[in-house]
C-alpha atoms as a PDB file:
ATOM      1  CA  MET A   1       0.025  -0.021   0.013  1.00  0.00           C
ATOM      2  CA  PHE A   2       1.031   3.592  -0.452  1.00  0.00           C
ATOM      3  CA  LEU A   3      -0.158   6.981   0.683  1.00  0.00           C
ATOM      4  CA  ILE A   4      -0.572  10.243  -1.256  1.00  0.00           C
ATOM      5  CA  ASP A   5      -0.825  13.366   0.930  1.00  0.00           C
ATOM      6  CA  ARG A   6      -3.229  16.264   0.635  1.00  0.00           C
ATOM      7  CA  GLU A   7      -0.868  18.031  -1.824  1.00  0.00           C
ATOM      8  CA  GLY A   8      -0.711  15.036  -4.140  1.00  0.00           C
ATOM      9  CA  MET A   9       2.779  13.954  -3.050  1.00  0.00           C
ATOM     10  CA  LEU A  10       3.787  10.376  -2.411  1.00  0.00           C
ATOM     11  CA  ALA A  11       4.123  10.255   1.354  1.00  0.00           C
ATOM     12  CA  PHE A  12       4.854   6.614   2.164  1.00  0.00           C
ATOM     13  CA  TYR A  13       4.759   3.035   1.014  1.00  0.00           C
ATOM     14  CA  ASN A  14       5.186  -0.117   3.057  1.00  0.00           C
ATOM     15  CA  ASP A  15       7.678  -3.028   2.713  1.00  0.00           C
ATOM     16  CA  ALA A  16       5.245  -5.152   0.658  1.00  0.00           C
ATOM     17  CA  ALA A  17       4.931  -2.342  -1.841  1.00  0.00           C
ATOM     18  CA  GLU A  18       8.662  -1.802  -1.845  1.00  0.00           C
ATOM     19  CA  ARG A  19       9.169  -5.363  -3.063  1.00  0.00           C
ATOM     20  CA  MET A  20       6.760  -4.788  -5.945  1.00  0.00           C
ATOM     21  CA  ILE A  21       7.894  -1.217  -6.779  1.00  0.00           C
ATOM     22  CA  GLY A  22      11.567  -2.257  -6.707  1.00  0.00           C
ATOM     23  CA  LYS A  23      13.090   0.471  -4.549  1.00  0.00           C
ATOM     24  CA  PRO A  24      12.701   1.452  -0.917  1.00  0.00           C
ATOM     25  CA  PHE A  25      10.626   4.554  -0.207  1.00  0.00           C
ATOM     26  CA  GLY A  26      13.731   6.264   1.295  1.00  0.00           C
ATOM     27  CA  GLU A  27      15.423   6.193  -2.112  1.00  0.00           C
ATOM     28  CA  ILE A  28      12.428   7.768  -3.840  1.00  0.00           C
ATOM     29  CA  GLY A  29      11.169  10.131  -1.146  1.00  0.00           C
ATOM     30  CA  HIS A  30       8.358  12.647  -1.490  1.00  0.00           C
ATOM     31  CA  ILE A  31       7.608  13.060  -5.244  1.00  0.00           C
ATOM     32  CA  ASP A  32       4.455  14.101  -7.010  1.00  0.00           C
ATOM     33  CA  GLY A  33       1.967  11.257  -7.209  1.00  0.00           C
ATOM     34  CA  ILE A  34       1.378  11.863 -10.987  1.00  0.00           C
ATOM     35  CA  GLU A  35       5.215  11.852 -11.553  1.00  0.00           C
ATOM     36  CA  PHE A  36       5.441   8.604  -9.519  1.00  0.00           C
ATOM     37  CA  GLY A  37       2.788   6.903 -11.715  1.00  0.00           C
ATOM     38  CA  SER A  38       4.547   8.198 -14.827  1.00  0.00           C
ATOM     39  CA  GLU A  39       7.953   6.779 -13.679  1.00  0.00           C
ATOM     40  CA  LEU A  40       6.258   3.421 -13.199  1.00  0.00           C
ATOM     41  CA  GLY A  41       4.634   3.538 -16.693  1.00  0.00           C
ATOM     42  CA  VAL A  42       1.188   2.787 -15.347  1.00  0.00           C
ATOM     43  CA  SER A  43      -1.144   1.447 -18.010  1.00  0.00           C
ATOM     44  CA  ASP A  44      -4.546  -0.178 -18.352  1.00  0.00           C
ATOM     45  CA  SER A  45      -4.634  -4.032 -18.291  1.00  0.00           C
ATOM     46  CA  ASP A  46      -4.414  -3.969 -22.159  1.00  0.00           C
ATOM     47  CA  GLY A  47      -1.191  -1.915 -22.124  1.00  0.00           C
ATOM     48  CA  THR A  48      -2.829   1.482 -22.948  1.00  0.00           C
ATOM     49  CA  PRO A  49      -1.015   4.178 -20.947  1.00  0.00           C
ATOM     50  CA  LEU A  50      -3.142   5.685 -18.207  1.00  0.00           C
ATOM     51  CA  ARG A  51      -3.210   9.412 -17.497  1.00  0.00           C
ATOM     52  CA  GLY A  52      -2.443   9.966 -13.861  1.00  0.00           C
ATOM     53  CA  THR A  53      -5.964  11.347 -13.295  1.00  0.00           C
ATOM     54  CA  ASP A  54      -7.420   8.048 -14.564  1.00  0.00           C
ATOM     55  CA  SER A  55      -5.465   5.750 -12.294  1.00  0.00           C
ATOM     56  CA  PRO A  56      -7.176   4.592  -9.074  1.00  0.00           C
ATOM     57  CA  ALA A  57      -5.116   7.047  -7.040  1.00  0.00           C
ATOM     58  CA  GLY A  58      -5.873   9.848  -9.408  1.00  0.00           C
ATOM     59  CA  VAL A  59      -9.628   9.178  -9.353  1.00  0.00           C
ATOM     60  CA  ALA A  60      -9.587   8.997  -5.518  1.00  0.00           C
ATOM     61  CA  PHE A  61      -7.585  12.247  -5.351  1.00  0.00           C
ATOM     62  CA  PHE A  62      -9.212  14.379  -8.027  1.00  0.00           C
ATOM     63  CA  GLU A  63     -12.749  13.031  -7.983  1.00  0.00           C
ATOM     64  CA  ARG A  64     -12.793  12.337  -4.201  1.00  0.00           C
ATOM     65  CA  ARG A  65     -14.265   8.867  -4.593  1.00  0.00           C
ATOM     66  CA  PRO A  66     -13.101   5.290  -4.250  1.00  0.00           C
ATOM     67  CA  SER A  67     -11.761   3.594  -7.370  1.00  0.00           C
ATOM     68  CA  HIS A  68     -10.615   0.159  -8.417  1.00  0.00           C
ATOM     69  CA  ARG A  69      -8.908  -0.950 -11.585  1.00  0.00           C
ATOM     70  CA  SER A  70      -6.605  -3.647 -12.995  1.00  0.00           C
ATOM     71  CA  VAL A  71      -3.354  -2.024 -14.070  1.00  0.00           C
ATOM     72  CA  LEU A  72       0.158  -2.781 -15.294  1.00  0.00           C
ATOM     73  CA  PHE A  73       3.228  -1.020 -14.150  1.00  0.00           C
ATOM     74  CA  THR A  74       6.991  -1.436 -14.450  1.00  0.00           C
ATOM     75  CA  GLY A  75       8.903  -1.391 -11.204  1.00  0.00           C
ATOM     76  CA  TYR A  76      12.276   0.253 -10.718  1.00  0.00           C
ATOM     77  CA  ASP A  77      13.724  -3.254 -10.938  1.00  0.00           C
ATOM     78  CA  GLY A  78      12.464  -3.491 -14.619  1.00  0.00           C
ATOM     79  CA  ALA A  79       9.769  -6.109 -13.837  1.00  0.00           C
ATOM     80  CA  ARG A  80       6.364  -5.566 -15.498  1.00  0.00           C
ATOM     81  CA  ARG A  81       3.577  -6.437 -13.047  1.00  0.00           C
ATOM     82  CA  SER A  82      -0.178  -6.887 -13.407  1.00  0.00           C
ATOM     83  CA  VAL A  83      -1.969  -5.727 -10.269  1.00  0.00           C
ATOM     84  CA  GLU A  84      -5.363  -4.997  -8.875  1.00  0.00           C
ATOM     85  CA  ALA A  85      -5.401  -1.510  -7.267  1.00  0.00           C
ATOM     86  CA  THR A  86      -8.018   0.043  -5.003  1.00  0.00           C
ATOM     87  CA  ALA A  87      -7.752   3.641  -3.807  1.00  0.00           C
ATOM     88  CA  TYR A  88      -9.799   5.527  -1.185  1.00  0.00           C
ATOM     89  CA  PRO A  89      -9.764   9.222  -0.442  1.00  0.00           C
ATOM     90  CA  LEU A  90      -9.096  10.036   3.209  1.00  0.00           C
ATOM     91  CA  PHE A  91     -11.307  12.765   4.610  1.00  0.00           C
ATOM     92  CA  GLY A  92     -11.110  14.720   7.897  1.00  0.00           C
ATOM     93  CA  ALA A  93     -13.880  15.603  10.312  1.00  0.00           C
ATOM     94  CA  THR A  94     -14.974  18.578   8.248  1.00  0.00           C
ATOM     95  CA  ASN A  95     -14.810  16.604   4.943  1.00  0.00           C
ATOM     96  CA  GLU A  96     -11.478  18.067   3.858  1.00  0.00           C
ATOM     97  CA  LEU A  97      -9.193  15.736   1.858  1.00  0.00           C
ATOM     98  CA  HIS A  98      -6.260  14.506   3.894  1.00  0.00           C
ATOM     99  CA  GLY A  99      -4.882  12.270   1.158  1.00  0.00           C
ATOM    100  CA  VAL A 100      -5.383   8.915  -0.576  1.00  0.00           C
ATOM    101  CA  VAL A 101      -4.513   5.349   0.437  1.00  0.00           C
ATOM    102  CA  VAL A 102      -3.915   2.840  -2.396  1.00  0.00           C
ATOM    103  CA  VAL A 103      -3.827  -0.872  -1.738  1.00  0.00           C
ATOM    104  CA  PHE A 104      -2.620  -3.112  -4.582  1.00  0.00           C
ATOM    105  CA  TRP A 105      -1.780  -6.773  -5.051  1.00  0.00           C
ATOM    106  CA  GLU A 106      -0.507  -8.856  -7.859  1.00  0.00           C
ATOM    107  CA  ASP A 107      -3.098 -10.350 -10.104  1.00  0.00           C
ATOM    108  CA  ALA A 108      -2.829 -14.151  -9.416  1.00  0.00           C
ATOM    109  CA  HIS A 109      -4.161 -14.865 -12.961  1.00  0.00           C
ATOM    110  CA  THR A 110      -1.332 -13.042 -14.745  1.00  0.00           C
ATOM    111  CA  SER A 111       1.498 -12.993 -12.211  1.00  0.00           C
ATOM    112  CA  GLY A 112       4.706 -13.675 -14.068  1.00  0.00           C
ATOM    113  CA  ALA A 113       3.333 -12.254 -17.296  1.00  0.00           C
ATOM    114  CA  SER A 114       5.337  -9.594 -19.104  1.00  0.00           C
END
């Protein structure tokens, strides 16, 4: 899982995400969430590149609603992965956006596919 903060910056990802992304968070640090998706080459399950605003994280951030989608991305280790990704906006007590949490897992039907 990873977190995007209220400004749209990558704020954190956990050890499980690190293994799939191919670099520890400390090496990447706080970068723009759209830039992060671009660096990973996020695409639709058919390989069509996704605009950052159309990714689950982008929909949760810009449209302020949950989103789920099958996506492909290339980790910093060069491995292309097929994942299911679900993103939720995080709201405060007065309905202000605090950020987005994205949970993703490898698609068991296509794991190992390139």
